N, C-alpha and C. Protein backbone atom coordinates (compact mmCIF):
# COMPACT_ATOMS: atom_id res chain seq x y z
N MET A 1 137.91 77.20 110.72
CA MET A 1 136.56 77.45 111.19
C MET A 1 136.50 78.84 111.81
N ASN A 2 135.42 79.53 111.54
CA ASN A 2 135.25 80.88 112.05
C ASN A 2 135.07 80.85 113.57
N PRO A 3 135.85 81.60 114.33
CA PRO A 3 135.73 81.56 115.79
C PRO A 3 134.41 82.12 116.30
N LEU A 4 133.70 82.89 115.50
CA LEU A 4 132.41 83.45 115.93
C LEU A 4 131.24 82.50 115.70
N LEU A 5 131.48 81.41 114.96
CA LEU A 5 130.40 80.48 114.62
C LEU A 5 129.75 79.87 115.87
N PRO A 6 130.52 79.33 116.85
CA PRO A 6 129.84 78.80 118.04
C PRO A 6 129.05 79.87 118.80
N LEU A 7 129.59 81.08 118.86
CA LEU A 7 128.88 82.16 119.53
C LEU A 7 127.58 82.50 118.81
N THR A 8 127.64 82.54 117.48
CA THR A 8 126.46 82.85 116.67
C THR A 8 125.40 81.76 116.83
N VAL A 9 125.83 80.49 116.78
CA VAL A 9 124.89 79.38 116.93
C VAL A 9 124.27 79.42 118.33
N GLY A 10 125.06 79.67 119.34
CA GLY A 10 124.55 79.76 120.70
C GLY A 10 123.55 80.89 120.86
N LEU A 11 123.85 82.05 120.28
CA LEU A 11 122.96 83.20 120.36
C LEU A 11 121.64 82.90 119.66
N LEU A 12 121.71 82.31 118.47
CA LEU A 12 120.48 81.98 117.74
C LEU A 12 119.66 80.94 118.50
N ALA A 13 120.32 79.94 119.10
CA ALA A 13 119.60 78.92 119.86
C ALA A 13 118.90 79.55 121.07
N THR A 14 119.56 80.48 121.72
CA THR A 14 118.95 81.16 122.87
C THR A 14 117.74 81.97 122.43
N LEU A 15 117.88 82.70 121.33
CA LEU A 15 116.77 83.51 120.85
C LEU A 15 115.59 82.65 120.44
N LEU A 16 115.88 81.55 119.74
CA LEU A 16 114.80 80.68 119.28
C LEU A 16 114.14 79.93 120.42
N SER A 17 114.90 79.60 121.46
CA SER A 17 114.29 78.89 122.59
C SER A 17 113.35 79.79 123.37
N ALA A 18 113.52 81.10 123.23
CA ALA A 18 112.62 82.03 123.92
C ALA A 18 111.27 82.12 123.23
N CYS A 19 111.22 81.67 121.97
CA CYS A 19 109.95 81.70 121.23
C CYS A 19 109.10 80.51 121.64
N GLN A 20 107.83 80.72 121.70
CA GLN A 20 106.91 79.66 122.05
C GLN A 20 105.75 79.74 121.08
N SER A 21 105.39 78.61 120.50
CA SER A 21 104.27 78.64 119.56
C SER A 21 103.00 78.32 120.31
N LEU A 22 101.95 79.03 119.95
CA LEU A 22 100.66 78.80 120.56
C LEU A 22 99.98 77.65 119.84
N PRO A 23 99.23 76.82 120.53
CA PRO A 23 98.55 75.72 119.86
C PRO A 23 97.53 76.26 118.86
N ALA A 24 97.45 75.60 117.73
CA ALA A 24 96.50 76.04 116.70
C ALA A 24 95.09 75.73 117.17
N LEU A 25 94.20 76.69 117.02
CA LEU A 25 92.82 76.51 117.44
C LEU A 25 92.16 75.41 116.63
N ALA A 26 92.51 75.32 115.35
CA ALA A 26 91.89 74.34 114.48
C ALA A 26 92.35 72.92 114.81
N ALA A 27 93.43 72.75 115.53
CA ALA A 27 93.97 71.43 115.82
C ALA A 27 93.11 70.69 116.83
N SER A 28 92.35 71.37 117.65
CA SER A 28 91.54 70.70 118.66
C SER A 28 90.07 70.97 118.40
N PRO A 29 89.30 69.91 118.11
CA PRO A 29 87.87 70.12 117.83
C PRO A 29 87.09 70.39 119.11
N VAL A 30 87.08 71.63 119.53
CA VAL A 30 86.38 72.04 120.74
C VAL A 30 85.14 72.82 120.33
N PRO A 31 83.99 72.50 120.90
CA PRO A 31 82.80 73.29 120.57
C PRO A 31 83.03 74.77 120.88
N VAL A 32 82.37 75.64 120.12
CA VAL A 32 82.56 77.07 120.25
C VAL A 32 82.33 77.53 121.69
N ALA A 33 81.33 76.97 122.36
CA ALA A 33 81.01 77.39 123.72
C ALA A 33 82.13 77.05 124.70
N GLU A 34 83.00 76.06 124.35
CA GLU A 34 84.04 75.63 125.25
C GLU A 34 85.42 76.21 124.91
N VAL A 35 85.50 77.08 123.93
CA VAL A 35 86.77 77.67 123.56
C VAL A 35 87.20 78.62 124.67
N PRO A 36 88.42 78.43 125.20
CA PRO A 36 88.86 79.31 126.29
C PRO A 36 88.93 80.76 125.84
N ALA A 37 88.64 81.65 126.76
CA ALA A 37 88.64 83.08 126.44
C ALA A 37 90.00 83.55 125.97
N SER A 38 91.08 82.88 126.41
CA SER A 38 92.42 83.30 126.00
C SER A 38 92.67 83.03 124.53
N MET A 39 91.87 82.18 123.91
CA MET A 39 92.05 81.87 122.49
C MET A 39 91.31 82.85 121.60
N ILE A 40 90.39 83.62 122.15
CA ILE A 40 89.61 84.58 121.38
C ILE A 40 90.30 85.93 121.48
N PRO A 41 90.59 86.57 120.34
CA PRO A 41 91.22 87.89 120.42
C PRO A 41 90.39 88.84 121.28
N LEU A 42 91.06 89.65 122.04
CA LEU A 42 90.38 90.56 122.95
C LEU A 42 89.60 91.63 122.20
N VAL A 43 88.41 91.88 122.66
CA VAL A 43 87.62 92.99 122.14
C VAL A 43 87.97 94.18 123.01
N GLU A 44 88.32 95.25 122.37
CA GLU A 44 88.68 96.42 123.13
C GLU A 44 87.46 96.97 123.86
N LYS A 45 87.68 97.81 124.82
CA LYS A 45 86.59 98.31 125.65
C LYS A 45 85.80 99.43 125.00
N ARG A 46 86.10 99.71 123.75
CA ARG A 46 85.33 100.72 123.03
C ARG A 46 83.99 100.12 122.59
N GLU A 47 83.04 100.99 122.34
CA GLU A 47 81.73 100.54 121.86
C GLU A 47 81.76 100.15 120.39
N SER A 48 82.75 100.63 119.66
CA SER A 48 82.86 100.28 118.25
C SER A 48 84.31 100.35 117.81
N LEU A 49 84.61 99.63 116.73
CA LEU A 49 85.92 99.71 116.11
C LEU A 49 85.81 100.69 114.95
N THR A 50 86.85 101.47 114.73
CA THR A 50 86.88 102.36 113.57
C THR A 50 88.16 102.09 112.80
N ALA A 51 88.06 102.29 111.51
CA ALA A 51 89.22 102.09 110.63
C ALA A 51 89.19 103.14 109.54
N THR A 52 90.37 103.59 109.17
CA THR A 52 90.50 104.60 108.13
C THR A 52 91.36 104.05 107.01
N GLY A 53 90.92 104.29 105.78
CA GLY A 53 91.67 103.87 104.61
C GLY A 53 92.02 105.07 103.75
N TYR A 54 93.12 104.97 103.03
CA TYR A 54 93.60 106.08 102.20
C TYR A 54 93.89 105.58 100.79
N ALA A 55 93.74 106.48 99.81
CA ALA A 55 94.10 106.17 98.44
C ALA A 55 94.46 107.47 97.71
N VAL A 56 95.45 107.36 96.86
CA VAL A 56 95.93 108.50 96.08
C VAL A 56 95.15 108.56 94.77
N ILE A 57 94.71 109.74 94.41
CA ILE A 57 93.89 109.93 93.21
C ILE A 57 94.71 109.77 91.93
N SER A 58 95.86 110.41 91.86
CA SER A 58 96.62 110.46 90.61
C SER A 58 97.17 109.12 90.13
N VAL A 59 97.27 108.13 91.01
CA VAL A 59 97.80 106.83 90.58
C VAL A 59 96.72 105.89 90.09
N GLN A 60 95.45 106.32 90.14
CA GLN A 60 94.37 105.46 89.69
C GLN A 60 94.43 105.29 88.18
N ASN A 61 94.11 104.09 87.73
CA ASN A 61 94.30 103.70 86.34
C ASN A 61 93.12 104.16 85.45
N HIS A 62 93.06 105.46 85.21
CA HIS A 62 92.05 106.00 84.31
C HIS A 62 92.50 107.37 83.84
N ARG A 63 92.07 107.76 82.64
CA ARG A 63 92.48 109.06 82.09
C ARG A 63 91.58 110.20 82.53
N ILE A 64 90.34 109.91 82.85
CA ILE A 64 89.38 110.95 83.21
C ILE A 64 89.51 111.25 84.71
N PRO A 65 89.76 112.53 85.07
CA PRO A 65 89.95 112.88 86.49
C PRO A 65 88.78 112.49 87.40
N ALA A 66 87.55 112.64 86.93
CA ALA A 66 86.40 112.28 87.75
C ALA A 66 86.39 110.78 88.05
N GLN A 67 86.76 109.99 87.05
CA GLN A 67 86.82 108.54 87.25
C GLN A 67 87.96 108.17 88.20
N GLN A 68 89.08 108.89 88.12
CA GLN A 68 90.19 108.66 89.05
C GLN A 68 89.75 108.92 90.49
N ARG A 69 88.97 109.98 90.70
CA ARG A 69 88.47 110.28 92.05
C ARG A 69 87.57 109.16 92.56
N LEU A 70 86.67 108.67 91.70
CA LEU A 70 85.78 107.59 92.11
C LEU A 70 86.57 106.32 92.45
N LEU A 71 87.57 106.02 91.65
CA LEU A 71 88.41 104.85 91.91
C LEU A 71 89.20 105.01 93.21
N ALA A 72 89.66 106.22 93.48
CA ALA A 72 90.39 106.47 94.73
C ALA A 72 89.46 106.31 95.94
N ILE A 73 88.24 106.77 95.82
CA ILE A 73 87.27 106.59 96.91
C ILE A 73 87.04 105.10 97.16
N ARG A 74 86.88 104.35 96.09
CA ARG A 74 86.67 102.90 96.21
C ARG A 74 87.89 102.23 96.85
N ALA A 75 89.09 102.61 96.42
CA ALA A 75 90.31 102.02 96.98
C ALA A 75 90.46 102.38 98.46
N ALA A 76 90.12 103.61 98.83
CA ALA A 76 90.20 104.02 100.23
C ALA A 76 89.21 103.24 101.09
N LYS A 77 88.05 102.97 100.54
CA LYS A 77 87.05 102.19 101.27
C LYS A 77 87.54 100.76 101.47
N LEU A 78 88.12 100.16 100.45
CA LEU A 78 88.66 98.81 100.57
C LEU A 78 89.81 98.76 101.58
N ASP A 79 90.63 99.81 101.61
CA ASP A 79 91.72 99.87 102.58
C ASP A 79 91.16 99.95 104.00
N ALA A 80 90.08 100.67 104.18
CA ALA A 80 89.44 100.75 105.50
C ALA A 80 88.85 99.40 105.90
N TYR A 81 88.24 98.69 104.95
CA TYR A 81 87.74 97.35 105.24
C TYR A 81 88.88 96.40 105.63
N ARG A 82 90.01 96.52 104.96
CA ARG A 82 91.18 95.70 105.30
C ARG A 82 91.61 95.99 106.73
N SER A 83 91.63 97.26 107.10
CA SER A 83 92.02 97.64 108.44
C SER A 83 91.03 97.11 109.49
N LEU A 84 89.75 97.15 109.19
CA LEU A 84 88.75 96.57 110.10
C LEU A 84 88.97 95.07 110.25
N THR A 85 89.24 94.40 109.14
CA THR A 85 89.47 92.95 109.18
C THR A 85 90.67 92.62 110.05
N GLU A 86 91.73 93.41 109.96
CA GLU A 86 92.90 93.20 110.82
C GLU A 86 92.53 93.35 112.29
N GLN A 87 91.68 94.32 112.61
CA GLN A 87 91.30 94.54 114.00
C GLN A 87 90.42 93.42 114.54
N VAL A 88 89.55 92.87 113.70
CA VAL A 88 88.64 91.83 114.14
C VAL A 88 89.34 90.48 114.25
N TYR A 89 90.10 90.10 113.22
CA TYR A 89 90.66 88.76 113.15
C TYR A 89 92.15 88.67 113.44
N GLY A 90 92.82 89.80 113.45
CA GLY A 90 94.27 89.76 113.64
C GLY A 90 94.98 89.70 112.30
N LEU A 91 96.28 89.71 112.37
CA LEU A 91 97.11 89.76 111.18
C LEU A 91 98.11 88.63 111.24
N ARG A 92 98.22 87.85 110.19
CA ARG A 92 99.21 86.77 110.14
C ARG A 92 100.49 87.35 109.57
N MET A 93 101.56 87.20 110.32
CA MET A 93 102.86 87.71 109.90
C MET A 93 103.82 86.55 109.68
N ASP A 94 104.52 86.58 108.56
CA ASP A 94 105.61 85.65 108.29
C ASP A 94 106.86 86.49 108.12
N ALA A 95 107.89 86.15 108.84
CA ALA A 95 109.11 86.94 108.78
C ALA A 95 110.32 86.02 108.70
N THR A 96 111.32 86.45 107.95
CA THR A 96 112.59 85.73 107.89
C THR A 96 113.72 86.74 107.97
N ALA A 97 114.80 86.31 108.57
CA ALA A 97 115.98 87.16 108.66
C ALA A 97 117.20 86.28 108.43
N THR A 98 118.14 86.79 107.67
CA THR A 98 119.39 86.10 107.42
C THR A 98 120.51 86.91 108.04
N VAL A 99 121.31 86.25 108.89
CA VAL A 99 122.42 86.92 109.56
C VAL A 99 123.70 86.19 109.18
N ALA A 100 124.70 86.94 108.75
CA ALA A 100 126.01 86.37 108.45
C ALA A 100 127.06 87.27 109.08
N ASP A 101 128.00 86.67 109.79
CA ASP A 101 129.04 87.42 110.49
C ASP A 101 128.44 88.50 111.39
N MET A 102 127.35 88.13 112.06
CA MET A 102 126.66 89.02 113.00
C MET A 102 126.14 90.30 112.36
N VAL A 103 125.88 90.25 111.06
CA VAL A 103 125.32 91.38 110.33
C VAL A 103 124.08 90.89 109.60
N VAL A 104 122.99 91.61 109.73
CA VAL A 104 121.77 91.23 109.03
C VAL A 104 121.98 91.41 107.54
N GLN A 105 121.82 90.32 106.81
CA GLN A 105 121.99 90.34 105.36
C GLN A 105 120.66 90.58 104.64
N ASN A 106 119.62 89.98 105.18
CA ASN A 106 118.31 90.05 104.55
C ASN A 106 117.25 89.97 105.63
N ASP A 107 116.25 90.82 105.57
CA ASP A 107 115.18 90.82 106.54
C ASP A 107 113.88 91.08 105.78
N THR A 108 112.99 90.10 105.74
CA THR A 108 111.75 90.25 104.98
C THR A 108 110.56 89.86 105.84
N PHE A 109 109.44 90.47 105.59
CA PHE A 109 108.21 90.03 106.18
C PHE A 109 107.06 90.15 105.19
N ARG A 110 106.09 89.31 105.45
CA ARG A 110 104.85 89.31 104.67
C ARG A 110 103.70 89.25 105.66
N SER A 111 102.66 89.95 105.33
CA SER A 111 101.49 89.90 106.20
C SER A 111 100.28 89.49 105.37
N ARG A 112 99.33 88.88 106.07
CA ARG A 112 98.11 88.44 105.40
C ARG A 112 96.96 88.56 106.38
N VAL A 113 95.86 89.02 105.88
CA VAL A 113 94.65 89.10 106.71
C VAL A 113 93.52 88.45 105.91
N GLU A 114 92.67 87.73 106.64
CA GLU A 114 91.57 87.05 105.98
C GLU A 114 90.37 87.06 106.92
N GLY A 115 89.22 87.37 106.40
CA GLY A 115 88.02 87.36 107.22
C GLY A 115 86.84 87.95 106.49
N VAL A 116 85.71 87.93 107.15
CA VAL A 116 84.47 88.48 106.59
C VAL A 116 84.05 89.65 107.47
N ILE A 117 83.72 90.74 106.84
CA ILE A 117 83.20 91.91 107.56
C ILE A 117 81.82 92.22 107.00
N TYR A 118 80.86 92.34 107.88
CA TYR A 118 79.53 92.82 107.48
C TYR A 118 79.05 93.81 108.53
N GLY A 119 78.13 94.64 108.14
CA GLY A 119 77.53 95.56 109.09
C GLY A 119 78.35 96.80 109.38
N ALA A 120 79.39 97.05 108.60
CA ALA A 120 80.20 98.25 108.82
C ALA A 120 79.41 99.48 108.37
N THR A 121 79.59 100.56 109.10
CA THR A 121 78.93 101.82 108.79
C THR A 121 79.94 102.79 108.20
N LEU A 122 79.58 103.39 107.08
CA LEU A 122 80.44 104.40 106.47
C LEU A 122 80.32 105.69 107.26
N VAL A 123 81.40 106.10 107.89
CA VAL A 123 81.40 107.30 108.72
C VAL A 123 81.67 108.54 107.88
N SER A 124 82.71 108.47 107.04
CA SER A 124 83.04 109.66 106.23
C SER A 124 83.90 109.29 105.04
N ILE A 125 83.78 110.10 104.01
CA ILE A 125 84.66 110.08 102.84
C ILE A 125 85.08 111.53 102.65
N THR A 126 86.37 111.79 102.85
CA THR A 126 86.82 113.18 102.75
C THR A 126 88.13 113.27 101.97
N PRO A 127 88.28 114.35 101.20
CA PRO A 127 89.58 114.57 100.56
C PRO A 127 90.61 114.91 101.65
N SER A 128 91.79 114.38 101.49
CA SER A 128 92.87 114.64 102.44
C SER A 128 94.05 115.17 101.63
N GLY A 129 94.27 116.44 101.71
CA GLY A 129 95.29 117.04 100.86
C GLY A 129 94.76 117.24 99.45
N ASP A 130 95.68 117.45 98.51
CA ASP A 130 95.28 117.70 97.13
C ASP A 130 95.01 116.43 96.33
N ASP A 131 95.61 115.30 96.74
CA ASP A 131 95.61 114.13 95.87
C ASP A 131 95.24 112.83 96.60
N THR A 132 94.55 112.91 97.73
CA THR A 132 94.26 111.71 98.52
C THR A 132 92.83 111.76 99.04
N TYR A 133 92.21 110.58 99.12
CA TYR A 133 90.92 110.45 99.78
C TYR A 133 91.10 109.62 101.04
N GLU A 134 90.32 109.95 102.05
CA GLU A 134 90.33 109.26 103.33
C GLU A 134 88.91 108.77 103.59
N THR A 135 88.77 107.48 103.87
CA THR A 135 87.47 106.88 104.16
C THR A 135 87.51 106.25 105.55
N THR A 136 86.51 106.53 106.36
CA THR A 136 86.45 105.96 107.71
C THR A 136 85.20 105.10 107.83
N LEU A 137 85.39 103.89 108.38
CA LEU A 137 84.31 102.95 108.63
C LEU A 137 84.23 102.67 110.12
N SER A 138 83.06 102.26 110.56
CA SER A 138 82.86 101.92 111.97
C SER A 138 82.13 100.59 112.05
N LEU A 139 82.44 99.82 113.09
CA LEU A 139 81.81 98.52 113.29
C LEU A 139 81.50 98.39 114.78
N ASP A 140 80.21 98.18 115.12
CA ASP A 140 79.85 98.15 116.54
C ASP A 140 80.31 96.85 117.20
N LYS A 141 80.45 96.90 118.51
CA LYS A 141 81.03 95.81 119.30
C LYS A 141 80.23 94.51 119.19
N ALA A 142 78.92 94.61 119.12
CA ALA A 142 78.08 93.41 119.01
C ALA A 142 78.33 92.69 117.70
N THR A 143 78.50 93.43 116.62
CA THR A 143 78.79 92.82 115.33
C THR A 143 80.17 92.18 115.34
N VAL A 144 81.13 92.82 116.00
CA VAL A 144 82.47 92.24 116.13
C VAL A 144 82.38 90.89 116.84
N GLN A 145 81.63 90.82 117.92
CA GLN A 145 81.47 89.55 118.64
C GLN A 145 80.82 88.50 117.75
N ASP A 146 79.79 88.89 116.99
CA ASP A 146 79.13 87.95 116.07
C ASP A 146 80.11 87.42 115.03
N LEU A 147 80.91 88.30 114.46
CA LEU A 147 81.88 87.89 113.45
C LEU A 147 82.89 86.91 114.02
N ARG A 148 83.38 87.19 115.22
CA ARG A 148 84.37 86.31 115.84
C ARG A 148 83.76 84.95 116.18
N MET A 149 82.53 84.93 116.65
CA MET A 149 81.90 83.65 116.97
C MET A 149 81.65 82.84 115.69
N LEU A 150 81.26 83.48 114.61
CA LEU A 150 81.11 82.78 113.33
C LEU A 150 82.44 82.20 112.87
N TYR A 151 83.50 82.97 113.04
CA TYR A 151 84.84 82.53 112.66
C TYR A 151 85.26 81.31 113.49
N LEU A 152 85.05 81.36 114.80
CA LEU A 152 85.40 80.23 115.65
C LEU A 152 84.56 79.00 115.30
N GLY A 153 83.29 79.22 114.95
CA GLY A 153 82.44 78.11 114.53
C GLY A 153 82.96 77.45 113.26
N GLN A 154 83.46 78.24 112.32
CA GLN A 154 84.03 77.69 111.10
C GLN A 154 85.29 76.90 111.40
N LEU A 155 86.12 77.41 112.31
CA LEU A 155 87.34 76.70 112.66
C LEU A 155 87.05 75.34 113.29
N THR A 156 86.09 75.30 114.19
CA THR A 156 85.77 74.03 114.84
C THR A 156 85.11 73.07 113.85
N ALA A 157 84.32 73.58 112.91
CA ALA A 157 83.69 72.72 111.90
C ALA A 157 84.74 72.10 110.98
N LYS A 158 85.78 72.87 110.65
CA LYS A 158 86.85 72.35 109.79
C LYS A 158 87.67 71.29 110.51
N ALA A 159 87.78 71.41 111.83
CA ALA A 159 88.59 70.47 112.60
C ALA A 159 87.92 69.11 112.74
N LYS A 160 86.62 69.04 112.54
CA LYS A 160 85.90 67.76 112.71
C LYS A 160 86.00 66.90 111.49
């Protein structure tokens, strides 16, 4: 038996015991008005959220340069919407790590974001460098609150 095995198991048990899972919001059918403030992601003290998305022109799947530029603008806008969605709803992360003989063998993560964004304002679409477009979107604080309340309402409706 490997003499490091008990040490490794003890170390992993200590690390895992330090983790604490938060109760799932959907598990308890609580009316939206009664959801504790700690369960709602914090709205930053800014008046609006901004997000910037980027896309490379030359990798767009078209032969005509003008069409590639239009596709890059569209991709940059979608990337900015994804970034806004992450800010409003948060990001779900799944991660795994494999350790053997106290050496990391494999470390992977996956992220997922899901939500609805409406009312975003297009701030700018600008070329960034020779081959990239940058798109910036803005979302005011009141709309962010509306989106979060709609989301919490959907969660409580699913729990019933």
